[in-house]
Every structure is written in structure tokens, then in C-alpha cells.
């Protein structure tokens, strides 16, 4: 009497892949989010720089702030540039006249 439920068409798999496809094709989305990451990196770096300009000792916390700011900036650039999928696969041509 019991039957197995049918798999929904366009269910969870479609919902997961669709936002990532929209983000990749939406230039303004990438510029906005990547720019926000780069600006937040500038804010974090400026906060660490203020401590150093006041003549305070360079502590591990200041170094950690600068490292975190560099990683935020790199993440922002990667979001803007979107290098995933842009690399072409190298193909070797085989010629018969060698």
C-alpha cells in the first residue's frame, strides 16, 4: 500500500546552485561585496597603523591585525576578479607530420 515519494523536480539541488550562478554572473554584486571587503581591510589596517604611529610598541595583536587586513583585501580582490572557471585547460595537439 505504501509507495515511495517521488523526487521533486528542481528541488534542493537547484536552490543550491542557482544563487552561486547568479553571484557569478552579477557584476554589480561582485563589485559591491568585493569592494566592501577591501574597504573593511583598509579600516582594519588603519586601526593597526594608528597604534604604530602613536609610537606604541608593535605587539602580536598589531601584527595579527595587519595580517587579517591583508587577507581581507586579498579575499575582496578574489571576489571582484572571480578567477574560478576562467583558466583554460591546456590541450596538447598531436600532429602527424612530426
Protein backbone atom coordinates (compact mmCIF):
# COMPACT_ATOMS: atom_id res chain seq x y z
CA UNK A 1 0.00 0.00 0.00
CA UNK A 2 2.78 2.48 0.74
CA UNK A 3 4.62 3.95 -2.20
CA UNK A 4 7.92 5.76 -2.22
CA UNK A 5 7.54 9.52 -2.53
CA UNK A 6 8.56 10.95 -5.87
CA UNK A 7 11.68 13.05 -6.05
CA UNK A 8 10.77 16.70 -6.53
CA UNK A 9 11.99 18.23 -9.75
CA UNK A 10 14.06 21.35 -9.29
CA UNK A 11 14.31 20.84 -5.54
CA UNK A 12 17.28 21.34 -3.28
CA UNK A 13 19.91 20.89 -5.98
CA UNK A 14 18.51 23.75 -8.00
CA UNK A 15 18.25 26.01 -4.95
CA UNK A 16 21.89 25.43 -4.03
CA UNK A 17 23.39 26.02 -7.46
CA UNK A 18 21.17 28.91 -8.57
CA UNK A 19 22.45 31.57 -6.09
CA UNK A 20 26.06 30.74 -6.89
CA UNK A 21 25.34 31.09 -10.61
CA UNK A 22 23.59 34.41 -10.02
CA UNK A 23 26.52 35.70 -7.97
CA UNK A 24 29.00 34.73 -10.68
CA UNK A 25 27.02 36.47 -13.41
CA UNK A 26 26.10 39.55 -11.36
CA UNK A 27 28.96 42.03 -11.85
CA UNK A 28 27.49 44.66 -9.51
CA UNK A 29 27.06 42.05 -6.75
CA UNK A 30 30.72 41.07 -7.00
CA UNK A 31 31.92 44.69 -7.09
CA UNK A 32 29.76 45.64 -4.10
CA UNK A 33 30.77 42.70 -1.91
CA UNK A 34 34.41 42.73 -3.00
CA UNK A 35 34.63 46.47 -2.50
CA UNK A 36 33.15 46.12 0.97
CA UNK A 37 35.82 43.55 1.83
CA UNK A 38 38.60 45.80 0.52
CA UNK A 39 37.25 48.80 2.45
CA UNK A 40 36.98 46.75 5.62
CA UNK A 41 40.59 45.70 5.11
CA UNK A 42 41.57 49.37 4.85
CA UNK A 43 39.69 50.10 8.08
CA UNK A 44 41.38 47.27 9.98
CA UNK A 45 44.80 48.24 8.60
CA UNK A 46 44.25 51.90 9.52
CA UNK A 47 43.35 50.91 13.10
CA UNK A 48 46.60 48.96 13.41
CA UNK A 49 48.55 51.79 11.79
CA UNK A 50 47.23 54.35 14.29
CA UNK A 51 48.74 52.35 17.14
CA UNK A 52 52.11 52.24 15.39
CA UNK A 53 52.06 55.97 14.54
CA UNK A 54 51.46 56.88 18.20
CA UNK A 55 54.79 55.29 18.99
CA UNK A 56 53.33 52.30 20.75
CA UNK A 57 55.13 49.01 20.67
CA UNK A 58 54.36 46.68 17.80
CA UNK A 59 52.66 43.81 19.56
CA UNK A 60 51.45 40.47 18.25
CA UNK A 61 47.93 41.92 18.19
CA UNK A 62 49.03 44.66 15.79
CA UNK A 63 50.75 42.13 13.56
CA UNK A 64 47.62 39.96 13.65
CA UNK A 65 45.50 42.98 12.64
CA UNK A 66 47.75 43.74 9.68
CA UNK A 67 47.74 40.09 8.61
CA UNK A 68 43.95 39.96 8.89
CA UNK A 69 43.67 43.18 6.87
CA UNK A 70 45.87 41.70 4.13
CA UNK A 71 43.73 38.56 4.00
CA UNK A 72 40.52 40.63 3.81
CA UNK A 73 41.96 42.66 0.94
CA UNK A 74 43.03 39.52 -0.91
CA UNK A 75 39.59 37.98 -0.43
CA UNK A 76 37.96 41.14 -1.77
CA UNK A 77 40.15 41.12 -4.87
CA UNK A 78 39.36 37.45 -5.49
CA UNK A 79 35.62 38.14 -5.21
CA UNK A 80 35.88 41.01 -7.70
CA UNK A 81 38.13 39.22 -10.20
CA UNK A 82 36.37 35.82 -9.89
CA UNK A 83 39.18 33.60 -11.22
CA UNK A 84 37.23 30.35 -10.77
CA UNK A 85 36.46 28.80 -14.12
CA UNK A 86 38.39 31.34 -16.18
CA UNK A 87 41.52 29.25 -16.60
CA UNK A 88 41.59 27.37 -19.89
CA UNK A 89 42.61 23.76 -19.92
CA UNK A 90 45.78 23.19 -21.89
CA UNK A 91 45.38 20.77 -24.73
CA UNK A 92 48.26 19.08 -26.48
CA UNK A 93 47.98 18.98 -30.22
CA UNK A 94 49.29 15.86 -31.83
CA UNK A 95 50.43 16.39 -35.37
CA UNK A 96 51.01 13.52 -37.72
CA UNK A 97 53.91 15.24 -39.56
CA UNK A 98 56.45 15.13 -36.72
